[in-house]
N, C-alpha and C. Protein backbone atom coordinates (compact mmCIF):
# COMPACT_ATOMS: atom_id res chain seq x y z
N LEU A 1 0.82 -1.20 0.00
CA LEU A 1 0.00 0.00 0.00
C LEU A 1 0.87 1.26 0.00
N ALA A 2 1.95 1.25 0.79
CA ALA A 2 2.80 2.44 0.90
C ALA A 2 4.20 2.03 1.33
N ASP A 3 5.16 2.86 1.01
CA ASP A 3 6.54 2.69 1.49
C ASP A 3 6.86 3.82 2.44
N ILE A 4 7.64 3.52 3.45
CA ILE A 4 8.18 4.56 4.32
C ILE A 4 9.38 5.15 3.59
N ILE A 5 9.35 6.48 3.36
CA ILE A 5 10.42 7.09 2.58
C ILE A 5 11.34 7.99 3.42
N SER A 6 10.88 8.40 4.62
CA SER A 6 11.76 9.20 5.47
C SER A 6 11.35 9.11 6.93
N VAL A 7 12.31 9.38 7.81
CA VAL A 7 12.09 9.44 9.25
C VAL A 7 12.64 10.77 9.73
N ASP A 8 11.83 11.53 10.46
CA ASP A 8 12.26 12.81 11.02
C ASP A 8 12.13 12.73 12.54
N PHE A 9 13.16 13.23 13.22
CA PHE A 9 13.21 13.17 14.67
C PHE A 9 12.99 14.56 15.27
N PRO A 10 12.42 14.64 16.47
CA PRO A 10 12.24 15.93 17.15
C PRO A 10 13.58 16.50 17.60
N GLU A 11 13.59 17.77 17.99
CA GLU A 11 14.83 18.48 18.34
C GLU A 11 15.52 17.91 19.57
N TRP A 12 14.82 17.21 20.44
CA TRP A 12 15.46 16.67 21.64
C TRP A 12 16.37 15.49 21.35
N VAL A 13 16.23 14.87 20.18
CA VAL A 13 17.03 13.68 19.85
C VAL A 13 18.45 14.09 19.51
N THR A 14 19.40 13.56 20.30
CA THR A 14 20.82 13.87 20.09
C THR A 14 21.48 12.84 19.18
N LEU A 15 21.26 11.57 19.46
CA LEU A 15 21.76 10.48 18.61
C LEU A 15 20.56 9.79 17.98
N LYS A 16 20.68 9.50 16.68
CA LYS A 16 19.56 8.87 15.99
C LYS A 16 20.08 7.92 14.92
N ASP A 17 19.26 6.95 14.61
CA ASP A 17 19.60 5.99 13.56
C ASP A 17 18.31 5.33 13.10
N TYR A 18 18.30 4.83 11.88
CA TYR A 18 17.15 4.10 11.36
C TYR A 18 17.60 3.22 10.21
N SER A 19 16.76 2.24 9.88
CA SER A 19 17.10 1.28 8.83
C SER A 19 16.99 1.92 7.45
N ASN A 20 17.46 1.19 6.45
CA ASN A 20 17.47 1.69 5.07
C ASN A 20 16.06 1.95 4.56
N LEU A 21 15.93 3.04 3.85
CA LEU A 21 14.65 3.44 3.26
C LEU A 21 14.85 3.71 1.78
N PRO A 22 13.84 3.61 0.94
CA PRO A 22 12.44 3.30 1.25
C PRO A 22 12.26 1.83 1.57
N SER A 23 11.23 1.56 2.36
CA SER A 23 10.90 0.21 2.78
C SER A 23 9.47 0.19 3.33
N ASN A 24 8.90 -1.00 3.47
CA ASN A 24 7.58 -1.09 4.09
C ASN A 24 7.68 -1.30 5.60
N THR A 25 8.91 -1.42 6.12
CA THR A 25 9.15 -1.47 7.56
C THR A 25 10.37 -0.61 7.89
N VAL A 26 10.45 -0.19 9.14
CA VAL A 26 11.61 0.60 9.56
C VAL A 26 11.84 0.37 11.05
N TRP A 27 13.11 0.35 11.46
CA TRP A 27 13.43 0.41 12.89
C TRP A 27 14.09 1.76 13.13
N ILE A 28 13.86 2.31 14.31
CA ILE A 28 14.45 3.61 14.66
C ILE A 28 15.10 3.53 16.03
N LYS A 29 16.10 4.39 16.23
CA LYS A 29 16.73 4.56 17.53
C LYS A 29 16.85 6.06 17.78
N ALA A 30 16.50 6.49 18.98
CA ALA A 30 16.56 7.91 19.35
C ALA A 30 17.07 8.02 20.78
N VAL A 31 18.08 8.88 21.00
CA VAL A 31 18.68 9.03 22.33
C VAL A 31 18.67 10.50 22.72
N ASP A 32 18.29 10.77 23.97
CA ASP A 32 18.26 12.12 24.54
C ASP A 32 19.48 12.30 25.45
N LEU A 33 20.64 12.57 24.87
CA LEU A 33 21.87 12.73 25.65
C LEU A 33 21.87 14.00 26.50
N ASN A 34 21.17 15.03 26.06
CA ASN A 34 21.16 16.31 26.77
C ASN A 34 20.04 16.42 27.78
N GLU A 35 19.33 15.32 28.01
CA GLU A 35 18.26 15.25 29.01
C GLU A 35 17.21 16.36 28.85
N LYS A 36 16.79 16.58 27.61
CA LYS A 36 15.77 17.60 27.34
C LYS A 36 14.36 17.12 27.71
N VAL A 37 14.14 15.81 27.70
CA VAL A 37 12.86 15.26 28.11
C VAL A 37 12.97 14.92 29.59
N GLN A 38 12.26 15.67 30.42
CA GLN A 38 12.36 15.53 31.88
C GLN A 38 10.98 15.47 32.51
N GLY A 39 10.93 14.97 33.72
CA GLY A 39 9.69 15.00 34.49
C GLY A 39 8.75 13.87 34.14
N ASN A 40 7.54 14.01 34.59
CA ASN A 40 6.50 13.01 34.38
C ASN A 40 5.78 13.29 33.07
N VAL A 41 6.39 12.91 31.96
CA VAL A 41 5.86 13.17 30.63
C VAL A 41 4.91 12.04 30.24
N SER A 42 3.69 12.39 29.81
CA SER A 42 2.73 11.36 29.44
C SER A 42 2.72 11.09 27.94
N GLU A 43 3.17 12.03 27.12
CA GLU A 43 3.24 11.82 25.67
C GLU A 43 4.51 12.47 25.15
N ILE A 44 5.21 11.74 24.28
CA ILE A 44 6.42 12.27 23.66
C ILE A 44 6.50 11.73 22.23
N THR A 45 6.82 12.60 21.29
CA THR A 45 7.01 12.18 19.91
C THR A 45 8.41 11.60 19.78
N LEU A 46 8.50 10.36 19.32
CA LEU A 46 9.79 9.71 19.12
C LEU A 46 10.30 9.96 17.70
N ALA A 47 9.40 10.00 16.74
CA ALA A 47 9.78 10.25 15.34
C ALA A 47 8.51 10.40 14.51
N LYS A 48 8.67 11.00 13.36
CA LYS A 48 7.59 11.08 12.38
C LYS A 48 8.07 10.38 11.12
N ILE A 49 7.18 9.58 10.54
CA ILE A 49 7.53 8.91 9.30
C ILE A 49 6.71 9.49 8.15
N THR A 50 7.32 9.50 6.96
CA THR A 50 6.63 9.96 5.76
C THR A 50 6.45 8.76 4.85
N LEU A 51 5.22 8.62 4.35
CA LEU A 51 4.88 7.50 3.48
C LEU A 51 4.70 7.96 2.05
N LYS A 52 5.06 7.10 1.10
CA LYS A 52 4.78 7.31 -0.31
C LYS A 52 3.74 6.26 -0.70
N ILE A 53 2.58 6.74 -1.10
CA ILE A 53 1.47 5.86 -1.43
C ILE A 53 1.73 5.17 -2.76
N LYS A 54 1.49 3.86 -2.79
CA LYS A 54 1.72 3.06 -4.00
C LYS A 54 0.41 2.66 -4.68
N ARG A 55 -0.67 2.53 -3.87
CA ARG A 55 -1.95 2.12 -4.46
C ARG A 55 -3.08 2.43 -3.48
N ILE A 56 -4.29 2.39 -3.97
CA ILE A 56 -5.49 2.59 -3.15
C ILE A 56 -5.72 1.34 -2.32
N GLY A 57 -6.17 1.52 -1.08
CA GLY A 57 -6.48 0.37 -0.24
C GLY A 57 -6.46 0.73 1.23
N ILE A 58 -6.45 -0.30 2.05
CA ILE A 58 -6.42 -0.13 3.50
C ILE A 58 -5.38 -1.10 4.07
N SER A 59 -4.63 -0.65 5.06
CA SER A 59 -3.59 -1.47 5.65
C SER A 59 -3.43 -1.11 7.12
N GLN A 60 -2.97 -2.05 7.90
CA GLN A 60 -2.68 -1.80 9.31
C GLN A 60 -1.29 -1.17 9.44
N LEU A 61 -1.15 -0.28 10.39
CA LEU A 61 0.13 0.31 10.76
C LEU A 61 0.41 -0.19 12.16
N ALA A 62 1.45 -1.00 12.31
CA ALA A 62 1.68 -1.67 13.59
C ALA A 62 3.10 -1.45 14.09
N ILE A 63 3.22 -1.26 15.39
CA ILE A 63 4.50 -1.24 16.08
C ILE A 63 4.65 -2.63 16.68
N THR A 64 5.65 -3.36 16.23
CA THR A 64 5.74 -4.76 16.61
C THR A 64 6.66 -5.02 17.80
N SER A 65 7.60 -4.16 18.07
CA SER A 65 8.43 -4.33 19.26
C SER A 65 9.03 -2.97 19.62
N TYR A 66 9.43 -2.86 20.86
CA TYR A 66 9.97 -1.60 21.33
C TYR A 66 10.83 -1.82 22.56
N GLU A 67 11.76 -0.93 22.76
CA GLU A 67 12.55 -0.87 23.98
C GLU A 67 12.76 0.61 24.29
N ILE A 68 12.22 1.05 25.40
CA ILE A 68 12.37 2.44 25.83
C ILE A 68 12.81 2.41 27.28
N ASP A 69 13.90 3.14 27.57
CA ASP A 69 14.35 3.16 28.96
C ASP A 69 14.59 4.59 29.43
N ASP A 70 14.66 4.75 30.75
CA ASP A 70 14.87 6.07 31.35
C ASP A 70 16.36 6.35 31.49
N ASP A 71 16.70 7.48 32.10
CA ASP A 71 18.11 7.89 32.24
C ASP A 71 18.93 6.90 33.06
N ALA A 72 18.29 6.12 33.91
CA ALA A 72 19.00 5.14 34.73
C ALA A 72 19.09 3.77 34.04
N GLY A 73 18.49 3.65 32.86
CA GLY A 73 18.52 2.39 32.13
C GLY A 73 17.38 1.45 32.44
N SER A 74 16.42 1.90 33.25
CA SER A 74 15.26 1.07 33.58
C SER A 74 14.22 1.18 32.48
N GLN A 75 13.62 0.04 32.12
CA GLN A 75 12.63 0.04 31.05
C GLN A 75 11.38 0.81 31.46
N ILE A 76 10.84 1.58 30.52
CA ILE A 76 9.62 2.35 30.73
C ILE A 76 8.47 1.59 30.09
N ASP A 77 7.39 1.41 30.84
CA ASP A 77 6.18 0.79 30.29
C ASP A 77 5.45 1.82 29.45
N ILE A 78 5.07 1.43 28.24
CA ILE A 78 4.37 2.34 27.35
C ILE A 78 3.11 1.69 26.81
N THR A 79 2.24 2.50 26.26
CA THR A 79 1.04 2.03 25.60
C THR A 79 1.23 2.18 24.09
N ILE A 80 1.03 1.11 23.37
CA ILE A 80 1.17 1.12 21.91
C ILE A 80 -0.21 1.35 21.31
N GLN A 81 -0.30 2.29 20.37
CA GLN A 81 -1.54 2.53 19.64
C GLN A 81 -1.28 2.30 18.16
N ASN A 82 -1.63 1.11 17.69
CA ASN A 82 -1.49 0.81 16.27
C ASN A 82 -2.55 1.58 15.50
N GLY A 83 -2.38 1.69 14.21
CA GLY A 83 -3.30 2.49 13.42
C GLY A 83 -3.66 1.81 12.12
N THR A 84 -4.39 2.53 11.30
CA THR A 84 -4.82 2.06 9.99
C THR A 84 -4.48 3.13 8.97
N ILE A 85 -4.00 2.69 7.82
CA ILE A 85 -3.75 3.60 6.70
C ILE A 85 -4.86 3.34 5.69
N LEU A 86 -5.57 4.39 5.32
CA LEU A 86 -6.63 4.28 4.33
C LEU A 86 -6.29 5.22 3.18
N VAL A 87 -6.11 4.67 1.99
CA VAL A 87 -5.83 5.47 0.81
C VAL A 87 -7.04 5.36 -0.11
N ASP A 88 -7.65 6.50 -0.37
CA ASP A 88 -8.88 6.56 -1.16
C ASP A 88 -8.74 7.73 -2.14
N VAL A 89 -9.53 7.68 -3.20
CA VAL A 89 -9.49 8.79 -4.15
C VAL A 89 -10.58 9.77 -3.90
């Protein structure tokens, strides 16, 4: 249905990496070395992806695995919200 063609990170990301694009899947890594994300944050943007539509249709957008930790290296529990991509004319 679509290819991921780019990944953009927010300004707080100091170190970043992602898999080869374009692709229908991507892995990303984002690190906050300057500790710009602080406190009891309930929502944070990790990255934005840009898609190039290949055809009309509907597809699931899923996050299949994740590892997020705090400044001490302890894993943070998160809520995953998968989505749907709908391409219509």
